[in-house]
Amino acid sequence: MVDPLGLVFFVLLGAAASEEGPGACRPFSRRRTGIVTGEGAGIAVLEAEEHARARGAPILAEVAGYGSSFDAFRVTAPHPEGRGAAEAMTKALADAGMAPEEVDFVSAHATGTKLNDPAEAKAIRAVFGAHAARVAVSSGKSEMGHLLAAAGAVSFAGAVLSVARGAIPPTANLADVDPACALDHVVGQARTGPVRAALVNALAFGGHNATIAVRRFQEPAP
């Protein structure tokens, strides 16, 4: 997507960042100006627990649940209250049988656009309520740009490693959080500590919203 044809779509929409350089992508910032496209890929091999144990594989995390929604508010804009994103997260938690209080990290879709970031922040606050103040939030797009179709896969891989290693990467270039996006943002450097579970958000044009719930693997009681 790092080519004129890939960029022109976002330019015509007014969604492309209006600056250049390594600090151009600023999710959740007052000074965010839009999307910076990137290129990359993520691959995950999902394995049944019994199969992983049989071959002695290290189990990084458990894919606990999934949720999706289709709010169709507008082709190129999310519902301003983040209803579609909230529904996807709620369904993922229900599928996982988890309470919001069990989640320590949300890997946000956060594209750095004026419309997406506050809508997703509202959705996170709606889903987590008072616990939203204690859920770490970060956006990988600040480091890699928006990988479009690959964005969800790479974010998923990152969330699995956060759960496995107990470390949450920061949102780069975030020094002045937009009050409309106020959450427990990870800034400056990685935050270390146990990550019991994480949600990964992928929110696309046309109101397509998806969330995967990942949690730390626990050895079953004997």
Protein backbone atom coordinates (compact mmCIF):
# COMPACT_ATOMS: atom_id res chain seq x y z
CA MET A 1 0.00 0.00 0.00
CA VAL A 2 3.03 2.31 0.08
CA ASP A 3 2.54 3.55 -3.49
CA PRO A 4 0.54 6.33 -5.18
CA LEU A 5 -2.41 4.12 -6.09
CA GLY A 6 -2.62 2.74 -2.56
CA LEU A 7 -2.48 6.19 -1.01
CA VAL A 8 -4.81 8.10 -3.31
CA PHE A 9 -7.91 6.46 -1.82
CA PHE A 10 -7.11 7.82 1.65
CA VAL A 11 -6.09 11.19 0.25
CA LEU A 12 -9.41 11.57 -1.56
CA LEU A 13 -11.24 10.66 1.64
CA GLY A 14 -9.25 13.22 3.62
CA ALA A 15 -8.08 10.38 5.88
CA ALA A 16 -4.37 10.34 4.97
CA ALA A 17 -1.89 11.99 7.32
CA SER A 18 -0.99 15.49 6.19
CA GLU A 19 2.61 15.20 7.45
CA GLU A 20 5.66 13.11 6.62
CA GLY A 21 8.33 11.53 8.77
CA PRO A 22 8.54 8.94 11.55
CA GLY A 23 6.20 10.89 13.83
CA ALA A 24 3.41 11.36 11.30
CA CYS A 25 1.15 8.65 12.73
CA ARG A 26 -0.21 9.81 16.11
CA PRO A 27 -3.16 7.71 17.29
CA PHE A 28 -5.21 9.29 20.11
CA SER A 29 -3.22 12.54 19.91
CA ARG A 30 -4.71 16.02 19.74
CA ARG A 31 -2.40 16.57 16.77
CA ARG A 32 -3.29 13.46 14.80
CA THR A 33 -3.84 14.15 11.11
CA GLY A 34 -4.70 10.77 9.64
CA ILE A 35 -3.58 7.37 8.41
CA VAL A 36 -0.02 6.44 7.50
CA THR A 37 -0.04 3.30 5.39
CA GLY A 38 2.50 0.55 5.93
CA GLU A 39 3.43 -2.87 4.61
CA GLY A 40 3.79 -6.10 6.54
CA ALA A 41 2.28 -9.47 7.32
CA GLY A 42 1.44 -11.65 10.27
CA ILE A 43 1.03 -15.42 10.39
CA ALA A 44 -0.45 -17.43 13.23
CA VAL A 45 -0.77 -21.20 13.48
CA LEU A 46 -3.60 -22.14 15.83
CA GLU A 47 -3.20 -25.49 17.52
CA ALA A 48 -5.45 -27.57 19.72
CA GLU A 49 -4.23 -27.81 23.32
CA GLU A 50 -4.02 -31.61 23.15
CA HIS A 51 -1.88 -31.45 20.01
CA ALA A 52 0.44 -28.82 21.48
CA ARG A 53 0.92 -30.86 24.64
CA ALA A 54 1.59 -34.04 22.69
CA ARG A 55 4.55 -32.46 20.90
CA GLY A 56 5.81 -30.53 23.92
CA ALA A 57 5.19 -27.10 22.39
CA PRO A 58 5.40 -23.97 24.55
CA ILE A 59 1.86 -22.58 24.76
CA LEU A 60 2.06 -18.81 24.32
CA ALA A 61 -1.61 -18.01 24.95
CA GLU A 62 -5.15 -19.22 24.45
CA VAL A 63 -7.49 -17.85 21.80
CA ALA A 64 -10.45 -17.51 24.10
CA GLY A 65 -13.18 -15.78 22.11
CA TYR A 66 -14.24 -13.85 19.05
CA GLY A 67 -16.88 -11.25 18.29
CA SER A 68 -17.95 -9.36 15.18
CA SER A 69 -20.52 -6.76 14.23
CA PHE A 70 -21.67 -4.79 11.23
CA ASP A 71 -22.99 -1.37 12.15
CA ALA A 72 -23.06 0.09 8.59
CA PHE A 73 -23.32 3.63 9.96
CA ARG A 74 -21.40 5.04 7.00
CA VAL A 75 -19.11 3.47 4.41
CA THR A 76 -16.10 5.56 5.44
CA ALA A 77 -16.86 6.48 9.06
CA PRO A 78 -17.66 4.61 12.30
CA HIS A 79 -20.68 5.35 14.43
CA PRO A 80 -19.63 8.38 16.54
CA GLU A 81 -20.48 6.47 19.74
CA GLY A 82 -18.50 3.43 18.64
CA ARG A 83 -21.51 1.14 18.77
CA GLY A 84 -20.13 -1.41 16.31
CA ALA A 85 -16.78 -1.69 18.08
CA ALA A 86 -18.51 -1.98 21.46
CA GLU A 87 -20.72 -4.79 20.16
CA ALA A 88 -17.73 -6.72 18.78
CA MET A 89 -15.82 -6.43 22.07
CA THR A 90 -18.89 -7.41 24.10
CA LYS A 91 -19.45 -10.49 21.94
CA ALA A 92 -15.79 -11.51 22.21
CA LEU A 93 -15.93 -11.31 26.00
CA ALA A 94 -19.15 -13.32 26.07
CA ASP A 95 -17.70 -15.96 23.74
CA ALA A 96 -14.66 -16.23 26.02
CA GLY A 97 -16.76 -16.36 29.17
CA MET A 98 -14.71 -13.46 30.55
CA ALA A 99 -15.72 -10.44 32.57
CA PRO A 100 -14.36 -7.04 31.48
CA GLU A 101 -12.36 -6.91 34.72
CA GLU A 102 -10.24 -9.85 33.55
CA VAL A 103 -8.78 -7.91 30.61
CA ASP A 104 -5.50 -6.03 31.14
CA PHE A 105 -4.76 -4.85 27.60
CA VAL A 106 -6.67 -3.62 24.54
CA SER A 107 -4.75 -3.60 21.27
CA ALA A 108 -6.69 -0.76 19.69
CA HIS A 109 -7.40 -0.37 15.98
CA ALA A 110 -6.64 3.38 16.42
CA THR A 111 -5.72 4.66 12.97
CA GLY A 112 -4.83 8.22 13.94
CA THR A 113 -7.86 9.71 12.19
CA LYS A 114 -10.15 12.35 13.63
CA LEU A 115 -13.23 10.09 13.56
CA ASN A 116 -11.93 6.61 14.39
CA ASP A 117 -9.92 7.23 17.54
CA PRO A 118 -12.58 8.95 19.70
CA ALA A 119 -15.25 6.49 18.55
CA GLU A 120 -13.10 3.53 19.59
CA ALA A 121 -12.24 5.23 22.90
CA LYS A 122 -15.96 5.67 23.61
CA ALA A 123 -16.54 2.01 22.77
CA ILE A 124 -13.81 0.90 25.18
CA ARG A 125 -15.27 3.05 27.97
CA ALA A 126 -18.76 1.70 27.26
CA VAL A 127 -17.64 -1.93 27.41
CA PHE A 128 -15.31 -1.69 30.42
CA GLY A 129 -17.10 0.93 32.51
CA ALA A 130 -15.11 1.85 35.61
CA HIS A 131 -12.49 -0.78 34.71
CA ALA A 132 -11.57 1.25 31.60
CA ALA A 133 -9.28 3.36 33.80
CA ARG A 134 -7.20 0.22 34.52
CA VAL A 135 -7.05 -1.35 31.04
CA ALA A 136 -3.83 -0.56 29.18
CA VAL A 137 -4.46 0.65 25.62
CA SER A 138 -1.93 0.82 22.80
CA SER A 139 -1.87 1.09 19.00
CA GLY A 140 0.74 -0.66 16.88
CA LYS A 141 -0.11 1.54 13.89
CA SER A 142 1.93 4.31 15.50
CA GLU A 143 5.02 2.16 14.90
CA MET A 144 4.19 0.31 11.67
CA GLY A 145 1.52 2.34 9.95
CA HIS A 146 -1.81 0.88 8.84
CA LEU A 147 -1.23 -2.50 7.21
CA LEU A 148 -4.88 -2.68 6.09
CA ALA A 149 -5.78 -6.35 5.45
CA ALA A 150 -2.74 -7.45 7.47
CA ALA A 151 -3.37 -5.10 10.39
CA GLY A 152 -5.47 -7.51 12.42
CA ALA A 153 -3.04 -10.41 12.01
CA VAL A 154 -0.04 -8.37 13.13
CA SER A 155 -1.96 -6.91 16.09
CA PHE A 156 -3.04 -10.42 17.07
CA ALA A 157 0.57 -11.63 17.05
CA GLY A 158 1.60 -8.67 19.17
CA ALA A 159 -1.16 -9.28 21.71
CA VAL A 160 -0.20 -12.95 22.02
CA LEU A 161 3.38 -11.94 22.78
CA SER A 162 2.17 -9.35 25.30
CA VAL A 163 0.25 -12.05 27.14
CA ALA A 164 3.15 -14.52 26.91
CA ARG A 165 5.88 -12.08 27.94
CA GLY A 166 4.03 -9.72 30.27
CA ALA A 167 4.93 -6.61 28.29
CA ILE A 168 2.73 -4.09 26.47
CA PRO A 169 4.32 -1.89 23.79
CA PRO A 170 3.67 1.86 23.87
CA THR A 171 1.80 4.02 21.39
CA ALA A 172 4.54 6.02 19.69
CA ASN A 173 4.29 9.78 19.15
CA LEU A 174 1.62 10.19 21.85
CA ALA A 175 2.58 13.11 24.07
CA ASP A 176 -0.68 15.03 24.12
CA VAL A 177 -3.73 12.78 24.45
CA ASP A 178 -6.96 14.14 23.00
CA PRO A 179 -9.43 14.42 25.94
CA ALA A 180 -12.02 12.70 23.72
CA CYS A 181 -9.66 9.70 23.58
CA ALA A 182 -8.72 9.63 27.28
CA LEU A 183 -7.87 6.08 28.41
CA ASP A 184 -5.01 4.33 30.21
CA HIS A 185 -2.61 4.82 27.28
CA VAL A 186 0.80 3.16 27.33
CA VAL A 187 3.28 5.88 26.34
CA GLY A 188 7.03 6.40 26.34
CA GLN A 189 8.16 2.83 26.96
CA ALA A 190 6.76 -0.66 27.26
CA ARG A 191 4.74 -1.46 30.37
CA THR A 192 5.74 -4.69 32.08
CA GLY A 193 3.67 -6.87 34.37
CA PRO A 194 1.22 -9.77 34.13
CA VAL A 195 -1.21 -9.57 31.22
CA ARG A 196 -4.03 -11.95 32.03
CA ALA A 197 -6.01 -11.30 28.85
CA ALA A 198 -6.09 -8.95 25.87
CA LEU A 199 -8.61 -7.84 23.26
CA VAL A 200 -7.52 -7.14 19.69
CA ASN A 201 -9.73 -4.75 17.71
CA ALA A 202 -9.92 -4.57 13.91
CA LEU A 203 -12.43 -1.99 12.66
CA ALA A 204 -12.81 -1.61 8.91
CA PHE A 205 -14.59 0.55 6.37
CA GLY A 206 -18.26 -0.18 5.89
CA GLY A 207 -18.79 -0.89 9.58
CA HIS A 208 -17.04 -4.28 9.67
CA ASN A 209 -15.81 -4.77 13.23
CA ALA A 210 -13.99 -7.74 14.74
CA THR A 211 -12.46 -8.48 18.14
CA ILE A 212 -10.38 -11.45 19.28
CA ALA A 213 -9.94 -12.25 22.97
CA VAL A 214 -6.61 -13.79 23.96
CA ARG A 215 -5.78 -14.94 27.48
CA ARG A 216 -2.86 -16.39 29.37
CA PHE A 217 -2.81 -20.17 29.29
CA GLN A 218 -3.41 -21.81 32.65
CA GLU A 219 -2.42 -25.34 33.38
CA PRO A 220 -5.53 -27.35 34.28
CA ALA A 221 -5.86 -28.47 37.88
CA PRO A 222 -4.74 -32.07 38.41
